[in-house]
Amino acid sequence: MDIKPSNVLTFGILAVAFCGMGILGIIFGAIGKNKARAYVDAYGQTTGQVKAGSIMSKIGFIIGIIMTVIWAIYIVIFAVAAANGAF
């Protein structure tokens, strides 16, 4: 399997770009991190693009988890308020 450093960087950028949507940040972050790990396993070294993509994948993954929790809390609060006739 040929993994290019630009693929890792692309998924890292996508993870950060879509981390506000929660699930997409988690998905792209996980893919980017797995590609970075596979690159290091295959070639035994890392490049600047792989390192940057790996870092951005981690950031996107973590913020994606945080945003998913925030969205879940928001939905629960909205559902409770609607059930109590606040609207």
N, C-alpha and C. Protein backbone atom coordinates (compact mmCIF):
# COMPACT_ATOMS: atom_id res chain seq x y z
N MET A 1 0.85 -1.17 0.00
CA MET A 1 0.00 0.00 0.00
C MET A 1 0.89 1.23 0.00
N ASP A 2 0.72 2.07 -1.00
CA ASP A 2 1.54 3.26 -1.14
C ASP A 2 0.83 4.44 -0.47
N ILE A 3 1.41 4.93 0.60
CA ILE A 3 0.84 6.06 1.33
C ILE A 3 1.73 7.27 1.09
N LYS A 4 1.13 8.31 0.57
CA LYS A 4 1.87 9.53 0.29
C LYS A 4 1.74 10.49 1.47
N PRO A 5 2.79 11.25 1.75
CA PRO A 5 2.70 12.23 2.84
C PRO A 5 1.59 13.27 2.61
N SER A 6 1.32 13.58 1.36
CA SER A 6 0.27 14.56 1.08
C SER A 6 -1.11 14.04 1.49
N ASN A 7 -1.31 12.71 1.45
CA ASN A 7 -2.59 12.15 1.90
C ASN A 7 -2.79 12.37 3.39
N VAL A 8 -1.74 12.18 4.16
CA VAL A 8 -1.82 12.40 5.61
C VAL A 8 -2.13 13.86 5.89
N LEU A 9 -1.44 14.74 5.19
CA LEU A 9 -1.66 16.18 5.37
C LEU A 9 -3.08 16.57 4.97
N THR A 10 -3.58 16.01 3.90
CA THR A 10 -4.94 16.32 3.44
C THR A 10 -5.97 15.94 4.48
N PHE A 11 -5.85 14.74 5.05
CA PHE A 11 -6.81 14.32 6.07
C PHE A 11 -6.66 15.14 7.35
N GLY A 12 -5.46 15.58 7.67
CA GLY A 12 -5.27 16.46 8.82
C GLY A 12 -5.97 17.80 8.62
N ILE A 13 -5.84 18.35 7.42
CA ILE A 13 -6.51 19.62 7.11
C ILE A 13 -8.02 19.44 7.15
N LEU A 14 -8.52 18.34 6.59
CA LEU A 14 -9.96 18.07 6.62
C LEU A 14 -10.46 17.90 8.05
N ALA A 15 -9.67 17.26 8.90
CA ALA A 15 -10.07 17.06 10.29
C ALA A 15 -10.23 18.39 11.00
N VAL A 16 -9.29 19.30 10.78
CA VAL A 16 -9.37 20.61 11.43
C VAL A 16 -10.50 21.44 10.81
N ALA A 17 -10.67 21.34 9.50
CA ALA A 17 -11.70 22.14 8.83
C ALA A 17 -13.10 21.73 9.25
N PHE A 18 -13.32 20.43 9.48
CA PHE A 18 -14.65 19.95 9.80
C PHE A 18 -14.84 19.56 11.27
N CYS A 19 -13.92 19.95 12.13
CA CYS A 19 -14.03 19.55 13.53
C CYS A 19 -15.22 20.21 14.22
N GLY A 20 -15.67 21.34 13.73
CA GLY A 20 -16.83 22.00 14.31
C GLY A 20 -18.11 21.22 14.10
N MET A 21 -18.13 20.33 13.13
CA MET A 21 -19.30 19.49 12.89
C MET A 21 -19.28 18.23 13.74
N GLY A 22 -18.24 18.03 14.49
CA GLY A 22 -18.18 16.91 15.42
C GLY A 22 -17.76 15.62 14.77
N ILE A 23 -18.72 14.87 14.26
CA ILE A 23 -18.47 13.53 13.74
C ILE A 23 -17.47 13.55 12.58
N LEU A 24 -17.59 14.52 11.70
CA LEU A 24 -16.66 14.58 10.55
C LEU A 24 -15.22 14.83 11.01
N GLY A 25 -15.04 15.66 12.03
CA GLY A 25 -13.71 15.88 12.57
C GLY A 25 -13.12 14.61 13.16
N ILE A 26 -13.97 13.83 13.83
CA ILE A 26 -13.53 12.56 14.40
C ILE A 26 -13.13 11.59 13.30
N ILE A 27 -13.96 11.49 12.28
CA ILE A 27 -13.70 10.55 11.18
C ILE A 27 -12.42 10.91 10.44
N PHE A 28 -12.31 12.16 10.00
CA PHE A 28 -11.11 12.58 9.26
C PHE A 28 -9.86 12.52 10.14
N GLY A 29 -10.00 12.84 11.42
CA GLY A 29 -8.86 12.77 12.34
C GLY A 29 -8.36 11.34 12.50
N ALA A 30 -9.30 10.40 12.63
CA ALA A 30 -8.91 8.99 12.78
C ALA A 30 -8.25 8.46 11.51
N ILE A 31 -8.80 8.82 10.36
CA ILE A 31 -8.21 8.38 9.09
C ILE A 31 -6.80 8.96 8.93
N GLY A 32 -6.65 10.24 9.20
CA GLY A 32 -5.34 10.88 9.09
C GLY A 32 -4.32 10.27 10.03
N LYS A 33 -4.74 10.00 11.25
CA LYS A 33 -3.82 9.41 12.22
C LYS A 33 -3.41 7.99 11.80
N ASN A 34 -4.37 7.21 11.29
CA ASN A 34 -4.05 5.86 10.83
C ASN A 34 -3.12 5.89 9.62
N LYS A 35 -3.33 6.83 8.71
CA LYS A 35 -2.44 6.95 7.55
C LYS A 35 -1.03 7.37 7.98
N ALA A 36 -0.93 8.25 8.96
CA ALA A 36 0.39 8.66 9.46
C ALA A 36 1.11 7.48 10.10
N ARG A 37 0.38 6.69 10.88
CA ARG A 37 0.98 5.51 11.51
C ARG A 37 1.42 4.50 10.45
N ALA A 38 0.60 4.31 9.43
CA ALA A 38 0.94 3.36 8.37
C ALA A 38 2.16 3.84 7.59
N TYR A 39 2.28 5.15 7.38
CA TYR A 39 3.44 5.70 6.68
C TYR A 39 4.71 5.44 7.47
N VAL A 40 4.66 5.72 8.76
CA VAL A 40 5.85 5.50 9.60
C VAL A 40 6.19 4.02 9.67
N ASP A 41 5.18 3.15 9.74
CA ASP A 41 5.45 1.71 9.76
C ASP A 41 6.07 1.23 8.45
N ALA A 42 5.61 1.81 7.33
CA ALA A 42 6.10 1.38 6.02
C ALA A 42 7.49 1.90 5.72
N TYR A 43 7.76 3.16 6.07
CA TYR A 43 9.02 3.78 5.67
C TYR A 43 10.00 3.98 6.83
N GLY A 44 9.55 3.80 8.06
CA GLY A 44 10.44 3.90 9.21
C GLY A 44 10.87 5.30 9.57
N GLN A 45 10.31 6.28 8.94
CA GLN A 45 10.66 7.67 9.24
C GLN A 45 9.45 8.55 8.96
N THR A 46 9.56 9.78 9.38
CA THR A 46 8.47 10.73 9.15
C THR A 46 9.00 11.93 8.38
N THR A 47 8.11 12.58 7.67
CA THR A 47 8.48 13.80 6.95
C THR A 47 7.70 14.97 7.57
N GLY A 48 7.98 16.15 7.09
CA GLY A 48 7.29 17.32 7.61
C GLY A 48 5.79 17.27 7.35
N GLN A 49 5.41 16.79 6.17
CA GLN A 49 3.98 16.70 5.85
C GLN A 49 3.29 15.67 6.72
N VAL A 50 3.94 14.56 6.97
CA VAL A 50 3.35 13.52 7.81
C VAL A 50 3.21 14.02 9.24
N LYS A 51 4.24 14.69 9.74
CA LYS A 51 4.19 15.22 11.10
C LYS A 51 3.10 16.27 11.24
N ALA A 52 3.01 17.19 10.28
CA ALA A 52 1.98 18.22 10.32
C ALA A 52 0.58 17.61 10.20
N GLY A 53 0.43 16.65 9.30
CA GLY A 53 -0.86 15.99 9.15
C GLY A 53 -1.27 15.22 10.38
N SER A 54 -0.30 14.58 11.02
CA SER A 54 -0.58 13.83 12.25
C SER A 54 -1.02 14.77 13.37
N ILE A 55 -0.35 15.89 13.52
CA ILE A 55 -0.71 16.86 14.56
C ILE A 55 -2.09 17.44 14.29
N MET A 56 -2.35 17.81 13.05
CA MET A 56 -3.67 18.37 12.73
C MET A 56 -4.77 17.32 12.87
N SER A 57 -4.46 16.07 12.57
CA SER A 57 -5.44 14.99 12.76
C SER A 57 -5.80 14.84 14.23
N LYS A 58 -4.79 14.90 15.11
CA LYS A 58 -5.04 14.82 16.55
C LYS A 58 -5.90 15.98 17.01
N ILE A 59 -5.56 17.19 16.55
CA ILE A 59 -6.33 18.38 16.95
C ILE A 59 -7.77 18.26 16.47
N GLY A 60 -7.96 17.89 15.21
CA GLY A 60 -9.31 17.73 14.67
C GLY A 60 -10.09 16.65 15.38
N PHE A 61 -9.42 15.55 15.74
CA PHE A 61 -10.07 14.46 16.45
C PHE A 61 -10.54 14.91 17.83
N ILE A 62 -9.68 15.58 18.57
CA ILE A 62 -10.01 16.02 19.93
C ILE A 62 -11.11 17.07 19.91
N ILE A 63 -10.98 18.07 19.04
CA ILE A 63 -12.02 19.10 18.96
C ILE A 63 -13.32 18.49 18.46
N GLY A 64 -13.23 17.51 17.56
CA GLY A 64 -14.43 16.82 17.08
C GLY A 64 -15.18 16.13 18.21
N ILE A 65 -14.43 15.49 19.11
CA ILE A 65 -15.06 14.85 20.27
C ILE A 65 -15.72 15.90 21.17
N ILE A 66 -15.01 16.98 21.42
CA ILE A 66 -15.57 18.05 22.26
C ILE A 66 -16.83 18.62 21.63
N MET A 67 -16.80 18.87 20.33
CA MET A 67 -17.98 19.44 19.67
C MET A 67 -19.14 18.45 19.63
N THR A 68 -18.86 17.17 19.52
CA THR A 68 -19.93 16.17 19.55
C THR A 68 -20.62 16.17 20.91
N VAL A 69 -19.83 16.28 21.97
CA VAL A 69 -20.41 16.36 23.31
C VAL A 69 -21.24 17.63 23.47
N ILE A 70 -20.72 18.75 22.99
CA ILE A 70 -21.45 20.02 23.08
C ILE A 70 -22.76 19.94 22.30
N TRP A 71 -22.72 19.38 21.09
CA TRP A 71 -23.95 19.24 20.31
C TRP A 71 -24.95 18.33 21.01
N ALA A 72 -24.47 17.24 21.62
CA ALA A 72 -25.37 16.33 22.34
C ALA A 72 -26.03 17.04 23.52
N ILE A 73 -25.26 17.82 24.27
CA ILE A 73 -25.82 18.58 25.40
C ILE A 73 -26.84 19.59 24.90
N TYR A 74 -26.52 20.26 23.81
CA TYR A 74 -27.44 21.24 23.24
C TYR A 74 -28.76 20.58 22.83
N ILE A 75 -28.69 19.44 22.21
CA ILE A 75 -29.91 18.73 21.77
C ILE A 75 -30.74 18.30 22.97
N VAL A 76 -30.09 17.80 24.03
CA VAL A 76 -30.82 17.39 25.23
C VAL A 76 -31.50 18.59 25.88
N ILE A 77 -30.78 19.70 26.00
CA ILE A 77 -31.37 20.90 26.60
C ILE A 77 -32.55 21.39 25.77
N PHE A 78 -32.40 21.40 24.46
CA PHE A 78 -33.49 21.82 23.58
C PHE A 78 -34.69 20.89 23.71
N ALA A 79 -34.46 19.60 23.79
CA ALA A 79 -35.55 18.62 23.89
C ALA A 79 -36.28 18.79 25.23
N VAL A 80 -35.55 19.01 26.30
CA VAL A 80 -36.17 19.21 27.62
C VAL A 80 -36.99 20.50 27.62
N ALA A 81 -36.42 21.56 27.05
CA ALA A 81 -37.15 22.83 27.00
C ALA A 81 -38.41 22.71 26.16
N ALA A 82 -38.34 21.99 25.07
CA ALA A 82 -39.52 21.80 24.22
C ALA A 82 -40.57 20.95 24.92
N ALA A 83 -40.13 19.96 25.68
CA ALA A 83 -41.07 19.10 26.39
C ALA A 83 -41.79 19.85 27.51
N ASN A 84 -41.12 20.86 28.06
CA ASN A 84 -41.71 21.64 29.15
C ASN A 84 -42.52 22.83 28.63
N GLY A 85 -42.66 22.94 27.33
CA GLY A 85 -43.48 24.00 26.74
C GLY A 85 -42.82 25.36 26.71
N ALA A 86 -41.51 25.40 26.67
CA ALA A 86 -40.79 26.68 26.65
C ALA A 86 -40.92 27.39 25.31
N PHE A 87 -41.41 26.68 24.31
CA PHE A 87 -41.51 27.30 23.00
C PHE A 87 -42.96 27.48 22.68
